[in-house]
C-alpha atoms as a PDB file:
ATOM      1  CA  VAL A   1      24.966 -52.658 186.975  1.00  0.00           C
ATOM      2  CA  MET A   2      26.438 -55.930 184.744  1.00  0.00           C
ATOM      3  CA  GLU A   3      26.970 -59.127 186.066  1.00  0.00           C
ATOM      4  CA  ALA A   4      28.892 -62.068 184.971  1.00  0.00           C
ATOM      5  CA  ARG A   5      28.095 -65.729 186.014  1.00  0.00           C
ATOM      6  CA  TYR A   6      29.740 -69.006 185.006  1.00  0.00           C
ATOM      7  CA  SER A   7      28.140 -72.479 186.621  1.00  0.00           C
ATOM      8  CA  ASP A   8      29.396 -75.983 186.328  1.00  0.00           C
ATOM      9  CA  VAL A   9      27.434 -79.252 187.057  1.00  0.00           C
ATOM     10  CA  GLY A  10      28.998 -82.511 187.360  1.00  0.00           C
ATOM     11  CA  ASP A  11      27.455 -85.799 188.292  1.00  0.00           C
ATOM     12  CA  GLU A  12      28.859 -88.457 187.220  1.00  0.00           C
ATOM     13  CA  ASN A  13      28.585 -91.082 189.873  1.00  0.00           C
ATOM     14  CA  ASN A  14      24.995 -91.049 189.915  1.00  0.00           C
ATOM     15  CA  LEU A  15      23.071 -89.940 186.593  1.00  0.00           C
ATOM     16  CA  GLY A  16      26.223 -89.024 184.757  1.00  0.00           C
ATOM     17  CA  TYR A  17      24.757 -85.298 184.071  1.00  0.00           C
ATOM     18  CA  GLU A  18      27.514 -82.628 183.318  1.00  0.00           C
ATOM     19  CA  SER A  19      26.662 -79.238 181.983  1.00  0.00           C
ATOM     20  CA  ASN A  20      28.370 -75.625 182.012  1.00  0.00           C
ATOM     21  CA  GLU A  21      26.674 -72.217 181.945  1.00  0.00           C
ATOM     22  CA  THR A  22      28.041 -68.736 181.156  1.00  0.00           C
ATOM     23  CA  SER A  23      25.627 -65.909 181.390  1.00  0.00           C
ATOM     24  CA  ILE A  24      26.076 -61.960 181.080  1.00  0.00           C
ATOM     25  CA  ALA A  25      23.210 -59.984 182.660  1.00  0.00           C
ATOM     26  CA  SER A  26      22.760 -55.869 182.872  1.00  0.00           C
ATOM     27  CA  HIS A  27      20.096 -54.614 185.670  1.00  0.00           C
ATOM     28  CA  PHE A  28      18.729 -51.127 185.001  1.00  0.00           C
ATOM     29  CA  ASP A  29      16.913 -49.298 187.771  1.00  0.00           C
ATOM     30  CA  PHE A  30      14.246 -46.610 187.220  1.00  0.00           C
ATOM     31  CA  GLY A  31      13.178 -45.825 191.096  1.00  0.00           C
ATOM     32  CA  ASP A  32      10.148 -47.648 191.387  1.00  0.00           C
ATOM     33  CA  SER A  33      10.774 -50.345 188.724  1.00  0.00           C
ATOM     34  CA  GLY A  34      13.477 -51.968 187.013  1.00  0.00           C
ATOM     35  CA  VAL A  35      14.902 -53.953 183.957  1.00  0.00           C
ATOM     36  CA  SER A  36      17.290 -56.972 183.688  1.00  0.00           C
ATOM     37  CA  VAL A  37      18.360 -58.163 180.094  1.00  0.00           C
ATOM     38  CA  GLU A  38      20.280 -61.754 180.551  1.00  0.00           C
ATOM     39  CA  GLY A  39      21.929 -63.711 177.648  1.00  0.00           C
ATOM     40  CA  GLY A  40      24.260 -66.939 177.862  1.00  0.00           C
ATOM     41  CA  TRP A  41      24.826 -70.457 176.737  1.00  0.00           C
ATOM     42  CA  LEU A  42      24.306 -73.860 178.176  1.00  0.00           C
ATOM     43  CA  ASN A  43      26.286 -76.632 177.119  1.00  0.00           C
ATOM     44  CA  GLU A  44      25.154 -79.825 178.152  1.00  0.00           C
ATOM     45  CA  GLN A  45      26.828 -83.376 177.718  1.00  0.00           C
ATOM     46  CA  GLY A  46      25.270 -86.414 176.467  1.00  0.00           C
ATOM     47  CA  THR A  47      21.477 -85.017 176.749  1.00  0.00           C
ATOM     48  CA  MET A  48      19.845 -82.077 176.254  1.00  0.00           C
ATOM     49  CA  PHE A  49      17.532 -79.844 178.683  1.00  0.00           C
ATOM     50  CA  GLY A  50      18.301 -81.507 181.781  1.00  0.00           C
ATOM     51  CA  GLY A  51      17.328 -85.023 181.074  1.00  0.00           C
ATOM     52  CA  ALA A  52      19.411 -88.150 182.415  1.00  0.00           C
ATOM     53  CA  PRO A  53      22.088 -88.954 179.956  1.00  0.00           C
ATOM     54  CA  GLY A  54      21.978 -92.800 179.017  1.00  0.00           C
ATOM     55  CA  GLY A  55      18.458 -93.213 177.592  1.00  0.00           C
ATOM     56  CA  PRO A  56      16.856 -94.324 174.286  1.00  0.00           C
ATOM     57  CA  MET A  57      16.696 -90.548 173.453  1.00  0.00           C
ATOM     58  CA  SER A  58      20.007 -89.278 174.700  1.00  0.00           C
ATOM     59  CA  ALA A  59      21.908 -86.725 172.729  1.00  0.00           C
ATOM     60  CA  ASP A  60      25.979 -86.679 172.437  1.00  0.00           C
ATOM     61  CA  SER A  61      25.894 -83.228 173.212  1.00  0.00           C
ATOM     62  CA  SER A  62      23.656 -79.830 173.035  1.00  0.00           C
ATOM     63  CA  GLU A  63      24.101 -76.256 173.073  1.00  0.00           C
ATOM     64  CA  THR A  64      21.364 -73.677 174.373  1.00  0.00           C
ATOM     65  CA  ARG A  65      21.509 -70.212 173.549  1.00  0.00           C
ATOM     66  CA  PHE A  66      19.316 -67.789 175.433  1.00  0.00           C
ATOM     67  CA  ILE A  67      18.096 -64.375 176.048  1.00  0.00           C
ATOM     68  CA  LYS A  68      16.048 -63.351 179.356  1.00  0.00           C
ATOM     69  CA  VAL A  69      14.421 -59.874 180.163  1.00  0.00           C
ATOM     70  CA  SER A  70      12.491 -60.104 183.156  1.00  0.00           C
ATOM     71  CA  GLY A  71      11.219 -56.811 185.114  1.00  0.00           C
ATOM     72  CA  TYR A  72       9.239 -55.310 188.194  1.00  0.00           C
ATOM     73  CA  LYS A  73       7.197 -52.671 189.158  1.00  0.00           C
ATOM     74  CA  ARG A  74       6.548 -51.480 192.755  1.00  0.00           C
ATOM     75  CA  LEU A  75       2.884 -51.122 193.615  1.00  0.00           C
ATOM     76  CA  GLY A  76       2.950 -48.989 196.843  1.00  0.00           C
ATOM     77  CA  PRO A  77       5.136 -49.876 200.230  1.00  0.00           C
ATOM     78  CA  GLN A  78       4.025 -53.417 199.995  1.00  0.00           C
ATOM     79  CA  PHE A  79       3.565 -54.856 196.542  1.00  0.00           C
ATOM     80  CA  ALA A  80       5.545 -55.288 193.302  1.00  0.00           C
ATOM     81  CA  LEU A  81       4.265 -56.729 189.981  1.00  0.00           C
ATOM     82  CA  VAL A  82       6.999 -58.920 188.077  1.00  0.00           C
ATOM     83  CA  GLY A  83       7.648 -60.721 185.212  1.00  0.00           C
ATOM     84  CA  SER A  84       9.627 -62.414 182.932  1.00  0.00           C
ATOM     85  CA  VAL A  85      10.436 -63.606 179.550  1.00  0.00           C
ATOM     86  CA  ILE A  86      12.766 -66.370 178.155  1.00  0.00           C
ATOM     87  CA  GLY A  87      13.564 -67.320 174.559  1.00  0.00           C
ATOM     88  CA  ALA A  88      16.288 -70.053 173.612  1.00  0.00           C
ATOM     89  CA  LEU A  89      17.638 -71.871 170.562  1.00  0.00           C
ATOM     90  CA  THR A  90      19.170 -75.551 170.737  1.00  0.00           C
ATOM     91  CA  GLN A  91      21.509 -77.116 168.490  1.00  0.00           C
ATOM     92  CA  VAL A  92      21.539 -80.857 169.498  1.00  0.00           C
ATOM     93  CA  ASP A  93      24.371 -83.525 168.295  1.00  0.00           C
ATOM     94  CA  GLY A  94      22.658 -86.815 167.908  1.00  0.00           C
ATOM     95  CA  GLN A  95      24.175 -90.128 169.283  1.00  0.00           C
ATOM     96  CA  SER A  96      24.580 -93.140 167.786  1.00  0.00           C
ATOM     97  CA  GLY A  97      22.389 -96.006 169.047  1.00  0.00           C
ATOM     98  CA  THR A  98      19.602 -93.802 169.880  1.00  0.00           C
ATOM     99  CA  LEU A  99      15.985 -93.687 168.809  1.00  0.00           C
ATOM    100  CA  LEU A 100      16.289 -89.657 167.613  1.00  0.00           C
ATOM    101  CA  ALA A 101      19.015 -88.438 165.144  1.00  0.00           C
ATOM    102  CA  ASN A 102      19.510 -85.692 162.666  1.00  0.00           C
ATOM    103  CA  TYR A 103      17.953 -82.921 164.618  1.00  0.00           C
ATOM    104  CA  SER A 104      17.072 -79.745 163.551  1.00  0.00           C
ATOM    105  CA  ASP A 105      17.578 -76.515 165.577  1.00  0.00           C
ATOM    106  CA  MET A 106      15.123 -76.084 168.485  1.00  0.00           C
ATOM    107  CA  GLN A 107      13.200 -72.886 169.330  1.00  0.00           C
ATOM    108  CA  SER A 108      11.663 -72.570 172.969  1.00  0.00           C
ATOM    109  CA  ASP A 109      10.581 -69.957 175.355  1.00  0.00           C
ATOM    110  CA  GLY A 110       8.463 -69.446 178.491  1.00  0.00           C
ATOM    111  CA  TRP A 111       7.249 -66.646 180.485  1.00  0.00           C
ATOM    112  CA  LEU A 112       6.179 -65.575 184.445  1.00  0.00           C
ATOM    113  CA  VAL A 113       4.112 -62.811 185.577  1.00  0.00           C
ATOM    114  CA  GLY A 114       3.576 -62.643 189.387  1.00  0.00           C
ATOM    115  CA  LEU A 115       2.687 -60.353 192.285  1.00  0.00           C
ATOM    116  CA  HIS A 116       4.798 -60.200 195.491  1.00  0.00           C
ATOM    117  CA  SER A 117       4.335 -58.295 198.927  1.00  0.00           C
ATOM    118  CA  LYS A 118       6.091 -58.489 202.165  1.00  0.00           C
ATOM    119  CA  SER A 119       5.001 -57.486 205.600  1.00  0.00           C
ATOM    120  CA  VAL A 120       1.866 -58.805 205.349  1.00  0.00           C
ATOM    121  CA  PHE A 121       1.342 -60.584 208.829  1.00  0.00           C
ATOM    122  CA  THR A 122       4.473 -59.957 210.504  1.00  0.00           C
ATOM    123  CA  THR A 123       7.316 -57.371 209.737  1.00  0.00           C
ATOM    124  CA  ALA A 124       9.358 -59.530 207.470  1.00  0.00           C
ATOM    125  CA  ASP A 125       7.211 -62.203 206.085  1.00  0.00           C
ATOM    126  CA  SER A 126       6.259 -62.163 202.347  1.00  0.00           C
ATOM    127  CA  ILE A 127       3.743 -63.806 200.045  1.00  0.00           C
ATOM    128  CA  SER A 128       3.839 -64.317 196.315  1.00  0.00           C
ATOM    129  CA  PHE A 129       1.429 -65.723 193.501  1.00  0.00           C
ATOM    130  CA  THR A 130       2.697 -66.387 190.236  1.00  0.00           C
ATOM    131  CA  VAL A 131       1.411 -67.688 186.745  1.00  0.00           C
ATOM    132  CA  ALA A 132       3.775 -69.212 184.251  1.00  0.00           C
ATOM    133  CA  GLN A 133       4.644 -70.905 181.424  1.00  0.00           C
ATOM    134  CA  PRO A 134       7.533 -73.305 181.682  1.00  0.00           C
ATOM    135  CA  LEU A 135      10.316 -73.535 178.919  1.00  0.00           C
ATOM    136  CA  ARG A 136       8.636 -75.156 175.808  1.00  0.00           C
ATOM    137  CA  VAL A 137       9.967 -76.203 172.604  1.00  0.00           C
ATOM    138  CA  ARG A 138       8.016 -74.263 170.149  1.00  0.00           C
ATOM    139  CA  SER A 139       9.608 -75.819 166.899  1.00  0.00           C
ATOM    140  CA  GLY A 140      12.108 -78.750 166.268  1.00  0.00           C
ATOM    141  CA  GLU A 141      12.160 -82.035 164.293  1.00  0.00           C
ATOM    142  CA  ALA A 142      14.138 -85.263 164.792  1.00  0.00           C
ATOM    143  CA  ASP A 143      14.343 -88.714 162.709  1.00  0.00           C
ATOM    144  CA  LEU A 144      12.720 -91.250 164.551  1.00  0.00           C
ATOM    145  CA  ASP A 145      14.451 -94.564 163.648  1.00  0.00           C
ATOM    146  CA  ILE A 146      13.193 -97.981 165.378  1.00  0.00           C
ATOM    147  CA  ALA A 147      13.990-101.596 164.451  1.00  0.00           C
ATOM    148  CA  TYR A 148      10.832-103.532 164.978  1.00  0.00           C
ATOM    149  CA  GLY A 149      11.716-107.182 163.154  1.00  0.00           C
ATOM    150  CA  LEU A 150      13.309-109.123 160.619  1.00  0.00           C
ATOM    151  CA  ASP A 151      12.010-110.334 157.408  1.00  0.00           C
ATOM    152  CA  GLN A 152      12.092-113.500 155.686  1.00  0.00           C
ATOM    153  CA  ALA A 153      15.715-113.075 154.461  1.00  0.00           C
ATOM    154  CA  ARG A 154      16.303-112.151 157.980  1.00  0.00           C
ATOM    155  CA  GLN A 155      16.750-108.576 157.036  1.00  0.00           C
ATOM    156  CA  VAL A 156      16.155-105.835 159.956  1.00  0.00           C
ATOM    157  CA  LEU A 157      12.948-104.007 159.575  1.00  0.00           C
ATOM    158  CA  ARG A 158      12.971-100.547 160.642  1.00  0.00           C
ATOM    159  CA  HIS A 159      10.222 -97.695 161.147  1.00  0.00           C
ATOM    160  CA  ARG A 160      11.394 -94.195 159.689  1.00  0.00           C
ATOM    161  CA  GLN A 161       9.608 -90.915 160.734  1.00  0.00           C
ATOM    162  CA  ARG A 162      10.190 -87.052 160.878  1.00  0.00           C
ATOM    163  CA  LEU A 163       8.992 -85.909 164.173  1.00  0.00           C
ATOM    164  CA  SER A 164       7.829 -82.688 165.416  1.00  0.00           C
ATOM    165  CA  LEU A 165       9.516 -81.949 169.024  1.00  0.00           C
ATOM    166  CA  GLU A 166       6.835 -79.708 169.686  1.00  0.00           C
ATOM    167  CA  PRO A 167       4.803 -81.171 172.731  1.00  0.00           C
ATOM    168  CA  SER A 168       1.036 -81.943 172.434  1.00  0.00           C
ATOM    169  CA  GLY A 169      -0.125 -79.133 175.305  1.00  0.00           C
ATOM    170  CA  THR A 170       1.073 -76.134 177.097  1.00  0.00           C
ATOM    171  CA  GLU A 171       1.428 -76.448 180.661  1.00  0.00           C
ATOM    172  CA  THR A 172       0.318 -73.420 183.162  1.00  0.00           C
ATOM    173  CA  LEU A 173       1.950 -73.457 186.554  1.00  0.00           C
ATOM    174  CA  VAL A 174      -0.065 -71.474 189.135  1.00  0.00           C
ATOM    175  CA  GLU A 175       2.079 -71.183 192.875  1.00  0.00           C
ATOM    176  CA  PHE A 176       1.251 -69.269 195.770  1.00  0.00           C
ATOM    177  CA  GLY A 177       4.275 -69.247 198.306  1.00  0.00           C
ATOM    178  CA  TYR A 178       4.803 -67.746 201.844  1.00  0.00           C
ATOM    179  CA  ARG A 179       8.253 -67.280 204.005  1.00  0.00           C
ATOM    180  CA  ALA A 180       8.217 -65.849 207.583  1.00  0.00           C
ATOM    181  CA  PRO A 181      11.247 -65.696 209.728  1.00  0.00           C
ATOM    182  CA  TRP A 182      11.664 -68.237 212.737  1.00  0.00           C
ATOM    183  CA  GLY A 183      14.006 -68.164 215.431  1.00  0.00           C
ATOM    184  CA  LYS A 184      17.500 -66.677 214.909  1.00  0.00           C
ATOM    185  CA  GLY A 185      18.354 -66.720 211.372  1.00  0.00           C
ATOM    186  CA  TRP A 186      15.894 -68.996 210.162  1.00  0.00           C
ATOM    187  CA  ASN A 187      13.159 -68.504 207.431  1.00  0.00           C
ATOM    188  CA  ILE A 188      10.546 -70.970 206.761  1.00  0.00           C
ATOM    189  CA  GLY A 189       7.786 -71.249 204.438  1.00  0.00           C
ATOM    190  CA  GLY A 190       5.894 -73.162 201.641  1.00  0.00           C
ATOM    191  CA  PHE A 191       4.967 -73.363 198.176  1.00  0.00           C
ATOM    192  CA  LEU A 192       1.545 -74.641 196.808  1.00  0.00           C
ATOM    193  CA  THR A 193       1.404 -75.102 192.975  1.00  0.00           C
ATOM    194  CA  PHE A 194      -1.154 -76.378 190.394  1.00  0.00           C
ATOM    195  CA  ARG A 195       0.162 -77.543 187.250  1.00  0.00           C
ATOM    196  CA  SER A 196      -2.334 -77.755 184.172  1.00  0.00           C
ATOM    197  CA  ASN A 197      -0.919 -80.117 181.334  1.00  0.00           C
ATOM    198  CA  PRO A 198       2.111 -80.756 183.078  1.00  0.00           C
ATOM    199  CA  ASP A 199       5.304 -81.493 181.061  1.00  0.00           C
ATOM    200  CA  HIS A 200       3.309 -79.887 178.163  1.00  0.00           C
ATOM    201  CA  VAL A 201       1.506 -83.263 177.728  1.00  0.00           C
ATOM    202  CA  ALA A 202      -2.004 -82.677 176.264  1.00  0.00           C
ATOM    203  CA  GLN A 203      -4.912 -83.692 178.542  1.00  0.00           C
ATOM    204  CA  SER A 204      -2.606 -85.107 181.311  1.00  0.00           C
ATOM    205  CA  ALA A 205      -4.294 -84.644 184.820  1.00  0.00           C
ATOM    206  CA  THR A 206      -3.478 -81.361 186.584  1.00  0.00           C
ATOM    207  CA  ARG A 207      -1.129 -81.587 189.601  1.00  0.00           C
ATOM    208  CA  THR A 208      -1.200 -80.179 193.161  1.00  0.00           C
ATOM    209  CA  GLU A 209       2.232 -80.177 194.660  1.00  0.00           C
ATOM    210  CA  VAL A 210       3.154 -78.796 197.956  1.00  0.00           C
ATOM    211  CA  MET A 211       6.258 -77.899 199.148  1.00  0.00           C
ATOM    212  CA  ALA A 212       7.978 -76.842 202.504  1.00  0.00           C
ATOM    213  CA  VAL A 213      11.169 -74.803 202.526  1.00  0.00           C
ATOM    214  CA  ALA A 214      13.577 -73.677 205.393  1.00  0.00           C
ATOM    215  CA  GLN A 215      16.720 -71.433 204.934  1.00  0.00           C
ATOM    216  CA  THR A 216      19.320 -70.387 207.116  1.00  0.00           C
ATOM    217  CA  ARG A 217      22.822 -68.765 207.052  1.00  0.00           C
ATOM    218  CA  PHE A 218      26.247 -69.824 208.686  1.00  0.00           C
END
């Protein structure tokens, strides 16, 4: 089975974020297991990786090409093992007047493994447990250019340095989820997550987050 998708996001009134994504995926079913292969392009205007435009590290535009492989394996009638891995290559056009310029190509990756179950407490509920590494830059560089003062001749003093864009840490995300039907046409549930080295910042405090969800159709 093949599937093509296109999405366009524009938030010019609030954050000024604009992007579009095109992807093609192939799905292969082997009875009690399956594999999906997806490749695509993400074009962002004024930023990269979903950041808010207009800041000191904004970019003029960026293009990310990615490939993702995911799969599942049924472990009996109630349980399934799932997993995915993604790799991406990002090219960035710098923006004048910002702190960073002359970007190299950036390589990034991420992965996820999990165990999902259904009909545990009721006939239509589901429980999930996943461990993941969110998308992380593995290689990439840019020039840092900071004006920090004036000399005696009133010339601007600048600090220039070639910086690695690889973050100092690696985030690990652990998530527990539960969903169950409620009333007519509703599904409710929640997610509990633990994040070590959040945002891939080394020695940052572990975060615990709780989120409730409700879903229905009209």
